[in-house]
Amino acid sequence: MLLAPPVALVALVLLSTPSDVSAARGMDECEAASPRIELSPTPNKGQAPVVCIGPGLHITFRFDSLLQHESLKIQEREWFEDWALGQQTLTLVPRENLAAGKRTEVDVCFADGAAPACATFELVVHPGLGMQEIKVLRQPRPVAHFQQVAKEAEAEVQQCRAEVRQLRAERGVPDGLRGAIASSIVDGERGVLVKDLTDDVTPKEGNALVKDRVYSYRAKERVAVEVYLENPSATPWTAAGAVLRGHKGEVFKPLPIWQPDPILPAEPGREYKRLGRVVVELMATEKEARGTYTLILWDAARQRAVTLDNVTFP
């Protein structure tokens, strides 16, 4: 449905906020971690590849070599509900209550006696950027492998360039309704669609903040989620990262998060709730953002996260 004032104007402001108003997100190691690991015949000690895991999120390592069945060593076995070592796979099931930022190591050895004989991986717990599959390559790669890697890298570069062009174009347009029209975020037929998710989304037990209201928006090749939160702790909270995860494991990383101010602690005896607002916007077509998703927000320390299930878009 087309929005009616005043919600329409609010939505347009959300979706046309200049990028210099958005809070810059610092790159963390899990954003840089690769789902493809190539082992060297002579690995450097103390430089184990980083693999990011998420609380309650299954992860599978797929190797191109046979594994020794009894070689698995898990430094912190109590972190995991279950694990399984196959002929060429390792599956781990982290517990739901793992604290973000914790680290441990996992070792496996290979059955053929070639170098490297074993491999060590450093597991890092992250609230939103846990991986679900890692490919571990040890054997010499054929030419076709490098051609595929180059093709995937070029596709990723082209996507990044498209996003940069879009963001640069938006910096040169006016603010408000004029800016939304000038940047082609809205068109004359559909405008901006909105959906009230307040009663639909399900907060995860143990969330650092309390959900108050949630709205989702859809415009031309854009979606956004607006969340109003209450802070029950004694210290302010600022979102440093976010991710939208689908039920099949697909992950959408957002444009820079927009949060006007840190969310301050609740005041005892205050007549009205002290709420803060966070807006997460993503580049996604209508086809790409169909389905049910989980929104995960976290602070700079990755210790105070907010997880909301059952997020959908109009």
C-alpha atoms as a PDB file:
ATOM      1  CA  MET A   1       0.000   0.000   0.000  1.00  0.00           C
ATOM      2  CA  LEU A   2       1.038   3.613  -0.517  1.00  0.00           C
ATOM      3  CA  LEU A   3       1.901   5.463   2.646  1.00  0.00           C
ATOM      4  CA  ALA A   4      -0.215   8.278   3.936  1.00  0.00           C
ATOM      5  CA  PRO A   5       1.175  11.249   5.882  1.00  0.00           C
ATOM      6  CA  PRO A   6       2.833  11.538   8.316  1.00  0.00           C
ATOM      7  CA  VAL A   7       4.291   8.035   8.019  1.00  0.00           C
ATOM      8  CA  ALA A   8       5.127   8.541   4.356  1.00  0.00           C
ATOM      9  CA  LEU A   9       7.301  11.541   5.099  1.00  0.00           C
ATOM     10  CA  VAL A  10       9.058   9.713   7.928  1.00  0.00           C
ATOM     11  CA  ALA A  11       9.784   6.797   5.609  1.00  0.00           C
ATOM     12  CA  LEU A  12      11.171   9.068   2.935  1.00  0.00           C
ATOM     13  CA  VAL A  13      13.495  10.719   5.428  1.00  0.00           C
ATOM     14  CA  LEU A  14      14.726   7.302   6.579  1.00  0.00           C
ATOM     15  CA  LEU A  15      15.427   6.125   3.065  1.00  0.00           C
ATOM     16  CA  SER A  16      17.047   9.346   1.854  1.00  0.00           C
ATOM     17  CA  THR A  17      19.255  10.219   4.819  1.00  0.00           C
ATOM     18  CA  PRO A  18      22.578  11.611   3.530  1.00  0.00           C
ATOM     19  CA  SER A  19      25.466   9.216   4.086  1.00  0.00           C
ATOM     20  CA  ASP A  20      27.381  11.725   6.222  1.00  0.00           C
ATOM     21  CA  VAL A  21      24.613  11.466   8.852  1.00  0.00           C
ATOM     22  CA  SER A  22      25.030   7.692   9.063  1.00  0.00           C
ATOM     23  CA  ALA A  23      27.308   6.249  11.693  1.00  0.00           C
ATOM     24  CA  ALA A  24      30.429   4.792  10.147  1.00  0.00           C
ATOM     25  CA  ARG A  25      30.954   1.102  10.831  1.00  0.00           C
ATOM     26  CA  GLY A  26      34.462   0.013  11.646  1.00  0.00           C
ATOM     27  CA  MET A  27      35.687  -3.131   9.928  1.00  0.00           C
ATOM     28  CA  ASP A  28      36.124  -6.035  12.327  1.00  0.00           C
ATOM     29  CA  GLU A  29      37.986  -9.271  11.697  1.00  0.00           C
ATOM     30  CA  CYS A  30      34.810 -11.227  10.996  1.00  0.00           C
ATOM     31  CA  GLU A  31      33.867  -8.869   8.156  1.00  0.00           C
ATOM     32  CA  ALA A  32      37.267  -9.556   6.611  1.00  0.00           C
ATOM     33  CA  ALA A  33      37.306 -13.318   7.274  1.00  0.00           C
ATOM     34  CA  SER A  34      37.004 -15.506   4.172  1.00  0.00           C
ATOM     35  CA  PRO A  35      34.849 -18.639   3.798  1.00  0.00           C
ATOM     36  CA  ARG A  36      37.681 -20.113   1.698  1.00  0.00           C
ATOM     37  CA  ILE A  37      40.936 -21.085   3.421  1.00  0.00           C
ATOM     38  CA  GLU A  38      44.038 -22.275   1.539  1.00  0.00           C
ATOM     39  CA  LEU A  39      46.573 -24.079   3.704  1.00  0.00           C
ATOM     40  CA  SER A  40      50.299 -23.621   3.151  1.00  0.00           C
ATOM     41  CA  PRO A  41      52.601 -26.679   3.247  1.00  0.00           C
ATOM     42  CA  THR A  42      54.607 -24.794   5.889  1.00  0.00           C
ATOM     43  CA  PRO A  43      52.050 -22.869   7.994  1.00  0.00           C
ATOM     44  CA  ASN A  44      53.287 -20.085  10.259  1.00  0.00           C
ATOM     45  CA  LYS A  45      52.926 -20.905  13.931  1.00  0.00           C
ATOM     46  CA  GLY A  46      50.701 -18.504  15.864  1.00  0.00           C
ATOM     47  CA  GLN A  47      48.890 -17.398  12.694  1.00  0.00           C
ATOM     48  CA  ALA A  48      45.962 -19.818  12.525  1.00  0.00           C
ATOM     49  CA  PRO A  49      43.230 -18.715  10.106  1.00  0.00           C
ATOM     50  CA  VAL A  50      40.287 -17.013  11.791  1.00  0.00           C
ATOM     51  CA  VAL A  51      36.859 -18.635  11.485  1.00  0.00           C
ATOM     52  CA  CYS A  52      33.863 -16.770  12.912  1.00  0.00           C
ATOM     53  CA  ILE A  53      31.109 -18.767  14.586  1.00  0.00           C
ATOM     54  CA  GLY A  54      27.688 -17.655  15.825  1.00  0.00           C
ATOM     55  CA  PRO A  55      25.815 -18.788  18.934  1.00  0.00           C
ATOM     56  CA  GLY A  56      23.490 -21.641  17.953  1.00  0.00           C
ATOM     57  CA  LEU A  57      24.605 -21.507  14.298  1.00  0.00           C
ATOM     58  CA  HIS A  58      25.816 -24.787  12.759  1.00  0.00           C
ATOM     59  CA  ILE A  59      29.121 -24.541  10.885  1.00  0.00           C
ATOM     60  CA  THR A  60      30.610 -27.114   8.512  1.00  0.00           C
ATOM     61  CA  PHE A  61      34.245 -27.300   7.398  1.00  0.00           C
ATOM     62  CA  ARG A  62      34.645 -28.999   3.986  1.00  0.00           C
ATOM     63  CA  PHE A  63      38.145 -30.312   3.219  1.00  0.00           C
ATOM     64  CA  ASP A  64      39.597 -31.473  -0.097  1.00  0.00           C
ATOM     65  CA  SER A  65      41.626 -34.192   1.684  1.00  0.00           C
ATOM     66  CA  LEU A  66      40.746 -37.202   3.820  1.00  0.00           C
ATOM     67  CA  LEU A  67      40.892 -36.651   7.585  1.00  0.00           C
ATOM     68  CA  GLN A  68      42.271 -38.852  10.354  1.00  0.00           C
ATOM     69  CA  HIS A  69      39.217 -40.094  12.210  1.00  0.00           C
ATOM     70  CA  GLU A  70      40.669 -39.698  15.732  1.00  0.00           C
ATOM     71  CA  SER A  71      42.594 -36.477  15.122  1.00  0.00           C
ATOM     72  CA  LEU A  72      39.976 -33.908  16.175  1.00  0.00           C
ATOM     73  CA  LYS A  73      41.006 -31.682  19.086  1.00  0.00           C
ATOM     74  CA  ILE A  74      38.572 -29.068  20.408  1.00  0.00           C
ATOM     75  CA  GLN A  75      40.113 -26.737  22.976  1.00  0.00           C
ATOM     76  CA  GLU A  76      36.783 -25.843  24.615  1.00  0.00           C
ATOM     77  CA  ARG A  77      34.465 -28.798  24.086  1.00  0.00           C
ATOM     78  CA  GLU A  78      31.869 -27.378  26.477  1.00  0.00           C
ATOM     79  CA  TRP A  79      31.245 -24.572  23.969  1.00  0.00           C
ATOM     80  CA  PHE A  80      29.486 -27.007  21.634  1.00  0.00           C
ATOM     81  CA  GLU A  81      26.279 -29.000  21.877  1.00  0.00           C
ATOM     82  CA  ASP A  82      27.596 -31.496  19.356  1.00  0.00           C
ATOM     83  CA  TRP A  83      30.306 -32.115  16.770  1.00  0.00           C
ATOM     84  CA  ALA A  84      30.956 -34.660  14.048  1.00  0.00           C
ATOM     85  CA  LEU A  85      34.088 -35.539  12.071  1.00  0.00           C
ATOM     86  CA  GLY A  86      33.456 -37.209   8.727  1.00  0.00           C
ATOM     87  CA  GLN A  87      35.823 -38.387   6.012  1.00  0.00           C
ATOM     88  CA  GLN A  88      36.229 -34.857   4.629  1.00  0.00           C
ATOM     89  CA  THR A  89      33.969 -32.705   6.811  1.00  0.00           C
ATOM     90  CA  LEU A  90      33.841 -31.304  10.323  1.00  0.00           C
ATOM     91  CA  THR A  91      30.540 -30.015  11.720  1.00  0.00           C
ATOM     92  CA  LEU A  92      30.272 -27.993  14.947  1.00  0.00           C
ATOM     93  CA  VAL A  93      27.104 -26.923  16.770  1.00  0.00           C
ATOM     94  CA  PRO A  94      27.894 -23.955  19.080  1.00  0.00           C
ATOM     95  CA  ARG A  95      25.715 -23.426  22.136  1.00  0.00           C
ATOM     96  CA  GLU A  96      23.174 -20.600  22.160  1.00  0.00           C
ATOM     97  CA  ASN A  97      24.702 -18.906  25.218  1.00  0.00           C
ATOM     98  CA  LEU A  98      28.224 -18.357  23.873  1.00  0.00           C
ATOM     99  CA  ALA A  99      29.507 -14.872  24.665  1.00  0.00           C
ATOM    100  CA  ALA A 100      30.693 -12.805  21.699  1.00  0.00           C
ATOM    101  CA  GLY A 101      34.421 -12.176  21.482  1.00  0.00           C
ATOM    102  CA  LYS A 102      35.478 -15.485  23.022  1.00  0.00           C
ATOM    103  CA  ARG A 103      38.153 -17.475  21.206  1.00  0.00           C
ATOM    104  CA  THR A 104      39.193 -21.096  21.028  1.00  0.00           C
ATOM    105  CA  GLU A 105      41.075 -23.415  18.682  1.00  0.00           C
ATOM    106  CA  VAL A 106      40.223 -26.569  16.762  1.00  0.00           C
ATOM    107  CA  ASP A 107      42.777 -28.970  15.259  1.00  0.00           C
ATOM    108  CA  VAL A 108      42.415 -31.718  12.667  1.00  0.00           C
ATOM    109  CA  CYS A 109      45.005 -33.916  10.936  1.00  0.00           C
ATOM    110  CA  PHE A 110      45.017 -35.423   7.463  1.00  0.00           C
ATOM    111  CA  ALA A 111      45.200 -39.089   6.520  1.00  0.00           C
ATOM    112  CA  ASP A 112      47.624 -39.027   3.572  1.00  0.00           C
ATOM    113  CA  GLY A 113      50.788 -37.914   5.387  1.00  0.00           C
ATOM    114  CA  ALA A 114      51.397 -34.994   3.010  1.00  0.00           C
ATOM    115  CA  ALA A 115      52.198 -31.474   4.188  1.00  0.00           C
ATOM    116  CA  PRO A 116      50.708 -29.851   6.079  1.00  0.00           C
ATOM    117  CA  ALA A 117      50.006 -32.890   8.249  1.00  0.00           C
ATOM    118  CA  CYS A 118      47.512 -30.982  10.445  1.00  0.00           C
ATOM    119  CA  ALA A 119      45.598 -27.710  10.490  1.00  0.00           C
ATOM    120  CA  THR A 120      44.614 -25.366  13.317  1.00  0.00           C
ATOM    121  CA  PHE A 121      41.710 -22.902  13.137  1.00  0.00           C
ATOM    122  CA  GLU A 122      41.034 -20.039  15.550  1.00  0.00           C
ATOM    123  CA  LEU A 123      37.311 -19.826  16.274  1.00  0.00           C
ATOM    124  CA  VAL A 124      35.944 -16.395  17.209  1.00  0.00           C
ATOM    125  CA  VAL A 125      32.391 -15.974  18.508  1.00  0.00           C
ATOM    126  CA  HIS A 126      30.499 -13.141  16.760  1.00  0.00           C
ATOM    127  CA  PRO A 127      26.851 -12.163  17.418  1.00  0.00           C
ATOM    128  CA  GLY A 128      25.913 -11.690  13.770  1.00  0.00           C
ATOM    129  CA  LEU A 129      28.678 -12.695  11.357  1.00  0.00           C
ATOM    130  CA  GLY A 130      28.997 -16.385  12.175  1.00  0.00           C
ATOM    131  CA  MET A 131      29.788 -18.512   9.117  1.00  0.00           C
ATOM    132  CA  GLN A 132      27.892 -21.631   8.117  1.00  0.00           C
ATOM    133  CA  GLU A 133      30.344 -23.211   5.703  1.00  0.00           C
ATOM    134  CA  ILE A 134      34.110 -23.053   5.286  1.00  0.00           C
ATOM    135  CA  LYS A 135      36.025 -24.601   2.399  1.00  0.00           C
ATOM    136  CA  VAL A 136      39.548 -25.695   3.347  1.00  0.00           C
ATOM    137  CA  LEU A 137      41.878 -26.247   0.383  1.00  0.00           C
ATOM    138  CA  ARG A 138      45.134 -28.183   0.757  1.00  0.00           C
ATOM    139  CA  GLN A 139      45.768 -29.859  -2.579  1.00  0.00           C
ATOM    140  CA  PRO A 140      47.317 -28.022  -5.581  1.00  0.00           C
ATOM    141  CA  ARG A 141      44.596 -26.093  -7.399  1.00  0.00           C
ATOM    142  CA  PRO A 142      43.884 -26.522 -11.136  1.00  0.00           C
ATOM    143  CA  VAL A 143      43.657 -23.517 -13.456  1.00  0.00           C
ATOM    144  CA  ALA A 144      39.843 -23.724 -13.408  1.00  0.00           C
ATOM    145  CA  HIS A 145      39.882 -23.082  -9.660  1.00  0.00           C
ATOM    146  CA  PHE A 146      41.747 -19.796 -10.024  1.00  0.00           C
ATOM    147  CA  GLN A 147      39.494 -18.762 -12.885  1.00  0.00           C
ATOM    148  CA  GLN A 148      36.450 -19.322 -10.674  1.00  0.00           C
ATOM    149  CA  VAL A 149      38.040 -17.402  -7.787  1.00  0.00           C
ATOM    150  CA  ALA A 150      38.797 -14.493 -10.111  1.00  0.00           C
ATOM    151  CA  LYS A 151      35.222 -14.558 -11.441  1.00  0.00           C
ATOM    152  CA  GLU A 152      33.754 -14.453  -7.927  1.00  0.00           C
ATOM    153  CA  ALA A 153      36.114 -11.640  -6.892  1.00  0.00           C
ATOM    154  CA  GLU A 154      35.203  -9.597  -9.971  1.00  0.00           C
ATOM    155  CA  ALA A 155      31.474 -10.037  -9.244  1.00  0.00           C
ATOM    156  CA  GLU A 156      32.007  -8.808  -5.691  1.00  0.00           C
ATOM    157  CA  VAL A 157      34.026  -5.819  -6.908  1.00  0.00           C
ATOM    158  CA  GLN A 158      31.294  -4.892  -9.389  1.00  0.00           C
ATOM    159  CA  GLN A 159      28.678  -5.033  -6.626  1.00  0.00           C
ATOM    160  CA  CYS A 160      30.797  -2.793  -4.388  1.00  0.00           C
ATOM    161  CA  ARG A 161      31.325  -0.340  -7.243  1.00  0.00           C
ATOM    162  CA  ALA A 162      27.583  -0.181  -7.891  1.00  0.00           C
ATOM    163  CA  GLU A 163      26.914   0.601  -4.225  1.00  0.00           C
ATOM    164  CA  VAL A 164      29.633   3.276  -4.188  1.00  0.00           C
ATOM    165  CA  ARG A 165      28.199   4.901  -7.337  1.00  0.00           C
ATOM    166  CA  GLN A 166      24.740   4.914  -5.774  1.00  0.00           C
ATOM    167  CA  LEU A 167      25.984   6.458  -2.530  1.00  0.00           C
ATOM    168  CA  ARG A 168      28.034   9.108  -4.350  1.00  0.00           C
ATOM    169  CA  ALA A 169      25.033   9.995  -6.502  1.00  0.00           C
ATOM    170  CA  GLU A 170      22.870  10.450  -3.427  1.00  0.00           C
ATOM    171  CA  ARG A 171      25.337  12.902  -1.858  1.00  0.00           C
ATOM    172  CA  GLY A 172      24.605  15.357  -4.639  1.00  0.00           C
ATOM    173  CA  VAL A 173      20.820  15.407  -4.288  1.00  0.00           C
ATOM    174  CA  PRO A 174      18.720  17.636  -1.993  1.00  0.00           C
ATOM    175  CA  ASP A 175      17.348  16.468   1.352  1.00  0.00           C
ATOM    176  CA  GLY A 176      13.887  15.193   2.232  1.00  0.00           C
ATOM    177  CA  LEU A 177      11.194  14.370  -0.317  1.00  0.00           C
ATOM    178  CA  ARG A 178      13.067  16.097  -3.161  1.00  0.00           C
ATOM    179  CA  GLY A 179      16.132  13.945  -2.470  1.00  0.00           C
ATOM    180  CA  ALA A 180      14.171  10.701  -2.418  1.00  0.00           C
ATOM    181  CA  ILE A 181      12.659  11.546  -5.812  1.00  0.00           C
ATOM    182  CA  ALA A 182      15.922  12.840  -7.306  1.00  0.00           C
ATOM    183  CA  SER A 183      17.867   9.729  -6.291  1.00  0.00           C
ATOM    184  CA  SER A 184      15.169   7.455  -7.787  1.00  0.00           C
ATOM    185  CA  ILE A 185      14.586   5.697  -4.449  1.00  0.00           C
ATOM    186  CA  VAL A 186      10.847   6.240  -4.949  1.00  0.00           C
ATOM    187  CA  ASP A 187       8.778   6.206  -8.079  1.00  0.00           C
ATOM    188  CA  GLY A 188       5.395   7.668  -8.881  1.00  0.00           C
ATOM    189  CA  GLU A 189       3.518   4.363  -8.871  1.00  0.00           C
ATOM    190  CA  ARG A 190       4.398   2.673  -5.577  1.00  0.00           C
ATOM    191  CA  GLY A 191       6.173   5.259  -3.441  1.00  0.00           C
ATOM    192  CA  VAL A 192       7.451   3.791  -0.166  1.00  0.00           C
ATOM    193  CA  LEU A 193       5.695   0.828   1.418  1.00  0.00           C
ATOM    194  CA  VAL A 194       5.634   0.293   5.174  1.00  0.00           C
ATOM    195  CA  LYS A 195       4.789  -2.629   7.444  1.00  0.00           C
ATOM    196  CA  ASP A 196       4.257  -2.554  11.209  1.00  0.00           C
ATOM    197  CA  LEU A 197       6.209  -5.527  12.624  1.00  0.00           C
ATOM    198  CA  THR A 198       5.829  -4.645  16.294  1.00  0.00           C
ATOM    199  CA  ASP A 199       3.591  -7.626  17.062  1.00  0.00           C
ATOM    200  CA  ASP A 200       5.285  -9.958  14.577  1.00  0.00           C
ATOM    201  CA  VAL A 201       8.986  -9.904  15.418  1.00  0.00           C
ATOM    202  CA  THR A 202      10.257 -12.191  18.172  1.00  0.00           C
ATOM    203  CA  PRO A 203      13.086 -10.932  20.424  1.00  0.00           C
ATOM    204  CA  LYS A 204      15.742 -13.450  21.376  1.00  0.00           C
ATOM    205  CA  GLU A 205      16.004 -14.332  25.052  1.00  0.00           C
ATOM    206  CA  GLY A 206      18.927 -12.469  26.588  1.00  0.00           C
ATOM    207  CA  ASN A 207      18.793  -9.447  24.264  1.00  0.00           C
ATOM    208  CA  ALA A 208      20.757  -6.481  25.598  1.00  0.00           C
ATOM    209  CA  LEU A 209      17.901  -4.040  24.829  1.00  0.00           C
ATOM    210  CA  VAL A 210      14.121  -4.297  24.929  1.00  0.00           C
ATOM    211  CA  LYS A 211      12.119  -4.040  21.706  1.00  0.00           C
ATOM    212  CA  ASP A 212       9.385  -1.399  21.701  1.00  0.00           C
ATOM    213  CA  ARG A 213       8.333  -0.845  18.063  1.00  0.00           C
ATOM    214  CA  VAL A 214       9.561  -2.203  14.734  1.00  0.00           C
ATOM    215  CA  TYR A 215       8.721  -1.089  11.182  1.00  0.00           C
ATOM    216  CA  SER A 216       9.970  -2.338   7.822  1.00  0.00           C
ATOM    217  CA  TYR A 217      10.078  -0.336   4.588  1.00  0.00           C
ATOM    218  CA  ARG A 218      10.439  -1.098   0.905  1.00  0.00           C
ATOM    219  CA  ALA A 219      11.358   1.356  -1.839  1.00  0.00           C
ATOM    220  CA  LYS A 220      12.929   0.919  -5.266  1.00  0.00           C
ATOM    221  CA  GLU A 221      15.789  -1.593  -4.798  1.00  0.00           C
ATOM    222  CA  ARG A 222      15.945  -0.684  -1.098  1.00  0.00           C
ATOM    223  CA  VAL A 223      14.603  -2.095   2.132  1.00  0.00           C
ATOM    224  CA  ALA A 224      14.976  -0.812   5.665  1.00  0.00           C
ATOM    225  CA  VAL A 225      14.143  -1.815   9.228  1.00  0.00           C
ATOM    226  CA  GLU A 226      13.435   0.834  11.878  1.00  0.00           C
ATOM    227  CA  VAL A 227      13.714  -0.367  15.467  1.00  0.00           C
ATOM    228  CA  TYR A 228      12.814   1.513  18.646  1.00  0.00           C
ATOM    229  CA  LEU A 229      14.599   0.105  21.695  1.00  0.00           C
ATOM    230  CA  GLU A 230      14.694   0.639  25.447  1.00  0.00           C
ATOM    231  CA  ASN A 231      17.985   0.278  27.308  1.00  0.00           C
ATOM    232  CA  PRO A 232      17.581  -1.479  30.685  1.00  0.00           C
ATOM    233  CA  SER A 233      21.310  -1.389  31.499  1.00  0.00           C
ATOM    234  CA  ALA A 234      23.294   1.308  33.279  1.00  0.00           C
ATOM    235  CA  THR A 235      25.392   2.354  30.258  1.00  0.00           C
ATOM    236  CA  PRO A 236      24.481   3.888  26.870  1.00  0.00           C
ATOM    237  CA  TRP A 237      24.294   1.636  23.802  1.00  0.00           C
ATOM    238  CA  THR A 238      25.318   2.395  20.225  1.00  0.00           C
ATOM    239  CA  ALA A 239      24.967   0.008  17.311  1.00  0.00           C
ATOM    240  CA  ALA A 240      28.293  -0.710  15.617  1.00  0.00           C
ATOM    241  CA  GLY A 241      27.203  -3.444  13.206  1.00  0.00           C
ATOM    242  CA  ALA A 242      24.186  -5.240  11.815  1.00  0.00           C
ATOM    243  CA  VAL A 243      23.271  -8.123   9.565  1.00  0.00           C
ATOM    244  CA  LEU A 244      20.064  -9.537   8.116  1.00  0.00           C
ATOM    245  CA  ARG A 245      20.167 -13.341   7.937  1.00  0.00           C
ATOM    246  CA  GLY A 246      17.714 -15.545   6.031  1.00  0.00           C
ATOM    247  CA  HIS A 247      16.532 -18.996   7.042  1.00  0.00           C
ATOM    248  CA  LYS A 248      18.632 -20.603   4.284  1.00  0.00           C
ATOM    249  CA  GLY A 249      21.794 -18.929   5.541  1.00  0.00           C
ATOM    250  CA  GLU A 250      21.777 -16.001   3.114  1.00  0.00           C
ATOM    251  CA  VAL A 251      23.259 -12.848   4.620  1.00  0.00           C
ATOM    252  CA  PHE A 252      22.550  -9.213   3.707  1.00  0.00           C
ATOM    253  CA  LYS A 253      25.053  -6.665   4.982  1.00  0.00           C
ATOM    254  CA  PRO A 254      23.589  -3.172   5.356  1.00  0.00           C
ATOM    255  CA  LEU A 255      24.605   0.277   4.279  1.00  0.00           C
ATOM    256  CA  PRO A 256      25.991   2.401   7.129  1.00  0.00           C
ATOM    257  CA  ILE A 257      23.643   2.219  10.106  1.00  0.00           C
ATOM    258  CA  TRP A 258      21.737   5.358  11.060  1.00  0.00           C
ATOM    259  CA  GLN A 259      21.347   5.984  14.782  1.00  0.00           C
ATOM    260  CA  PRO A 260      20.691   9.610  15.783  1.00  0.00           C
ATOM    261  CA  ASP A 261      22.047   9.259  19.320  1.00  0.00           C
ATOM    262  CA  PRO A 262      23.271   6.595  21.748  1.00  0.00           C
ATOM    263  CA  ILE A 263      20.385   4.827  23.479  1.00  0.00           C
ATOM    264  CA  LEU A 264      20.554   6.032  27.076  1.00  0.00           C
ATOM    265  CA  PRO A 265      19.696   3.918  30.126  1.00  0.00           C
ATOM    266  CA  ALA A 266      16.094   3.904  31.319  1.00  0.00           C
ATOM    267  CA  GLU A 267      15.285   6.321  34.154  1.00  0.00           C
ATOM    268  CA  PRO A 268      13.504   4.853  37.199  1.00  0.00           C
ATOM    269  CA  GLY A 269      10.210   6.603  37.867  1.00  0.00           C
ATOM    270  CA  ARG A 270      10.100   8.210  34.422  1.00  0.00           C
ATOM    271  CA  GLU A 271       6.512   8.509  33.173  1.00  0.00           C
ATOM    272  CA  TYR A 272       7.377   7.684  29.575  1.00  0.00           C
ATOM    273  CA  LYS A 273       9.845   5.189  28.175  1.00  0.00           C
ATOM    274  CA  ARG A 274      13.210   6.556  27.079  1.00  0.00           C
ATOM    275  CA  LEU A 275      13.508   5.052  23.604  1.00  0.00           C
ATOM    276  CA  GLY A 276      16.266   5.120  21.031  1.00  0.00           C
ATOM    277  CA  ARG A 277      16.021   4.487  17.314  1.00  0.00           C
ATOM    278  CA  VAL A 278      18.195   2.464  14.940  1.00  0.00           C
ATOM    279  CA  VAL A 279      17.617   2.271  11.178  1.00  0.00           C
ATOM    280  CA  VAL A 280      19.200  -0.465   9.084  1.00  0.00           C
ATOM    281  CA  GLU A 281      19.008  -0.014   5.306  1.00  0.00           C
ATOM    282  CA  LEU A 282      19.981  -2.559   2.648  1.00  0.00           C
ATOM    283  CA  MET A 283      20.375  -2.604  -1.112  1.00  0.00           C
ATOM    284  CA  ALA A 284      17.974  -5.355  -2.207  1.00  0.00           C
ATOM    285  CA  THR A 285      15.476  -5.827  -4.976  1.00  0.00           C
ATOM    286  CA  GLU A 286      11.927  -6.988  -4.272  1.00  0.00           C
ATOM    287  CA  LYS A 287      12.877 -10.505  -5.396  1.00  0.00           C
ATOM    288  CA  GLU A 288      15.988 -10.615  -3.190  1.00  0.00           C
ATOM    289  CA  ALA A 289      14.244  -9.488   0.001  1.00  0.00           C
ATOM    290  CA  ARG A 290      11.273 -11.833  -0.032  1.00  0.00           C
ATOM    291  CA  GLY A 291      10.966 -14.177   2.913  1.00  0.00           C
ATOM    292  CA  THR A 292      11.495 -14.141   6.664  1.00  0.00           C
ATOM    293  CA  TYR A 293      14.724 -12.864   8.180  1.00  0.00           C
ATOM    294  CA  THR A 294      16.550 -12.379  11.456  1.00  0.00           C
ATOM    295  CA  LEU A 295      17.963  -8.936  12.245  1.00  0.00           C
ATOM    296  CA  ILE A 296      21.027  -8.870  14.502  1.00  0.00           C
ATOM    297  CA  LEU A 297      22.513  -5.657  15.927  1.00  0.00           C
ATOM    298  CA  TRP A 298      25.635  -5.400  18.091  1.00  0.00           C
ATOM    299  CA  ASP A 299      27.762  -2.768  19.800  1.00  0.00           C
ATOM    300  CA  ALA A 300      31.466  -2.029  19.305  1.00  0.00           C
ATOM    301  CA  ALA A 301      32.511  -4.547  21.947  1.00  0.00           C
ATOM    302  CA  ARG A 302      30.216  -7.200  20.399  1.00  0.00           C
ATOM    303  CA  GLN A 303      29.074  -8.042  23.926  1.00  0.00           C
ATOM    304  CA  ARG A 304      25.597  -6.438  23.911  1.00  0.00           C
ATOM    305  CA  ALA A 305      23.558  -7.690  20.988  1.00  0.00           C
ATOM    306  CA  VAL A 306      19.923  -7.475  19.892  1.00  0.00           C
ATOM    307  CA  THR A 307      18.386 -10.287  17.818  1.00  0.00           C
ATOM    308  CA  LEU A 308      14.915 -10.014  16.287  1.00  0.00           C
ATOM    309  CA  ASP A 309      13.364 -12.969  14.445  1.00  0.00           C
ATOM    310  CA  ASN A 310      10.506 -12.998  11.933  1.00  0.00           C
ATOM    311  CA  VAL A 311      11.413  -9.782  10.093  1.00  0.00           C
ATOM    312  CA  THR A 312       9.561  -9.389   6.785  1.00  0.00           C
ATOM    313  CA  PHE A 313       9.123  -6.584   4.252  1.00  0.00           C
ATOM    314  CA  PRO A 314       5.988  -5.197   2.608  1.00  0.00           C
END
